[in-house]
Each structure stands twice: as structure tokens, then as C-alpha cells.
């Protein structure tokens, strides 16, 4: 969570603009572009949210997809178990 907090602070400090967050054109100069990619909200913000608030997972056994969607972990039955 420490790394996530620093990441959040750096994103806010370097990319925050009046309409949201701008994309970084060049990381060496910190030059920004005049748009925000959709994946910023759909993925980056979701991952940060999940990192800091996992209360919705209480009592649930889930695994996350690469897009941050929780999927339930189901019990596995081998064919030998059913015969």
C-alpha cells in the first residue's frame, strides 16, 4: 500500500488538470498531452481503489481479471471425484 500511495500522489501531482488527468507525452520532461485515456479510469483508478478499499471482499474468495473484475473462485472437481 505504501507504493500505491506514492503512485497515487505522483499521478495526482504530475497529471492532474482541471478536466481530470492528462496523459504524459514524455516522462523525462513531464510534458502532458491534451487528453485522458479511457483506461486511466477503467483500470488505473480501479486498481488503486482495490488496493486501498478491499472491504467488499470480506468473506468472498475471488481472483481478479487483468481488467480488475472480481471472479469467484469455485471448487474444482476432478473426473475421478465424480466416478
Protein backbone atom coordinates (compact mmCIF):
# COMPACT_ATOMS: atom_id res chain seq x y z
CA UNK A 1 0.00 0.00 0.00
CA UNK A 2 2.94 2.33 0.56
CA UNK A 3 3.94 2.04 -3.09
CA UNK A 4 0.30 2.54 -4.14
CA UNK A 5 0.04 5.69 -2.03
CA UNK A 6 3.18 7.10 -3.64
CA UNK A 7 1.91 6.17 -7.09
CA UNK A 8 -1.40 7.92 -6.40
CA UNK A 9 0.37 11.03 -5.09
CA UNK A 10 2.71 11.17 -8.10
CA UNK A 11 -0.12 10.68 -10.60
CA UNK A 12 -2.09 13.46 -8.94
CA UNK A 13 0.89 15.81 -8.71
CA UNK A 14 2.08 15.34 -12.30
CA UNK A 15 -1.08 14.70 -14.34
CA UNK A 16 -3.99 16.48 -12.63
CA UNK A 17 -5.63 19.12 -14.82
CA UNK A 18 -8.97 20.95 -14.44
CA UNK A 19 -10.87 18.35 -16.50
CA UNK A 20 -9.35 15.22 -14.97
CA UNK A 21 -5.92 13.69 -15.60
CA UNK A 22 -3.83 14.25 -18.73
CA UNK A 23 -1.72 11.61 -20.44
CA UNK A 24 2.03 12.05 -20.14
CA UNK A 25 3.67 12.67 -23.52
CA UNK A 26 7.28 12.45 -22.29
CA UNK A 27 8.24 11.16 -18.85
CA UNK A 28 11.68 12.80 -18.97
CA UNK A 29 10.20 16.31 -19.37
CA UNK A 30 6.79 15.53 -17.81
CA UNK A 31 5.14 17.11 -20.86
CA UNK A 32 1.41 16.38 -20.93
CA UNK A 33 -0.98 15.65 -23.77
CA UNK A 34 -4.41 17.23 -24.11
CA UNK A 35 -6.45 14.10 -23.43
CA UNK A 36 -7.14 11.40 -20.87
CA UNK A 37 -7.11 7.77 -21.99
CA UNK A 38 -10.19 5.77 -21.05
CA UNK A 39 -8.07 3.07 -19.43
CA UNK A 40 -6.92 5.58 -16.82
CA UNK A 41 -10.33 5.49 -15.16
CA UNK A 42 -11.26 1.95 -16.21
CA UNK A 43 -8.07 0.33 -14.96
CA UNK A 44 -5.57 2.55 -13.14
CA UNK A 45 -8.10 4.18 -10.80
CA UNK A 46 -9.88 0.86 -10.24
CA UNK A 47 -6.61 -0.85 -9.22
CA UNK A 48 -5.81 1.96 -6.79
CA UNK A 49 -9.33 1.73 -5.33
CA UNK A 50 -9.00 -2.03 -4.88
CA UNK A 51 -5.60 -1.56 -3.24
CA UNK A 52 -6.97 0.78 -0.58
CA UNK A 53 -10.53 -0.50 -0.03
CA UNK A 54 -10.89 -4.26 -0.01
CA UNK A 55 -13.91 -4.28 2.36
CA UNK A 56 -16.24 -5.53 -0.40
CA UNK A 57 -14.18 -8.75 -0.45
CA UNK A 58 -14.95 -9.70 3.15
CA UNK A 59 -15.96 -13.33 3.18
CA UNK A 60 -15.50 -13.73 -0.59
CA UNK A 61 -12.93 -15.87 -2.38
CA UNK A 62 -12.19 -14.06 -5.65
CA UNK A 63 -9.47 -13.68 -8.24
CA UNK A 64 -9.14 -10.54 -10.37
CA UNK A 65 -9.01 -10.45 -14.15
CA UNK A 66 -6.40 -8.29 -15.88
CA UNK A 67 -9.08 -5.58 -16.08
CA UNK A 68 -9.73 -5.68 -12.33
CA UNK A 69 -13.04 -7.56 -12.39
CA UNK A 70 -13.53 -9.97 -9.47
CA UNK A 71 -14.40 -13.55 -10.39
CA UNK A 72 -15.46 -16.09 -7.76
CA UNK A 73 -13.11 -18.99 -7.13
CA UNK A 74 -15.18 -22.15 -7.47
CA UNK A 75 -14.41 -25.58 -6.08
CA UNK A 76 -12.77 -27.91 -8.58
CA UNK A 77 -13.98 -31.46 -9.07
CA UNK A 78 -11.78 -33.87 -10.96
CA UNK A 79 -13.33 -36.61 -13.05
CA UNK A 80 -12.05 -39.12 -10.52
CA UNK A 81 -14.13 -37.45 -7.79
CA UNK A 82 -17.35 -37.84 -9.78
CA UNK A 83 -16.93 -41.51 -10.70
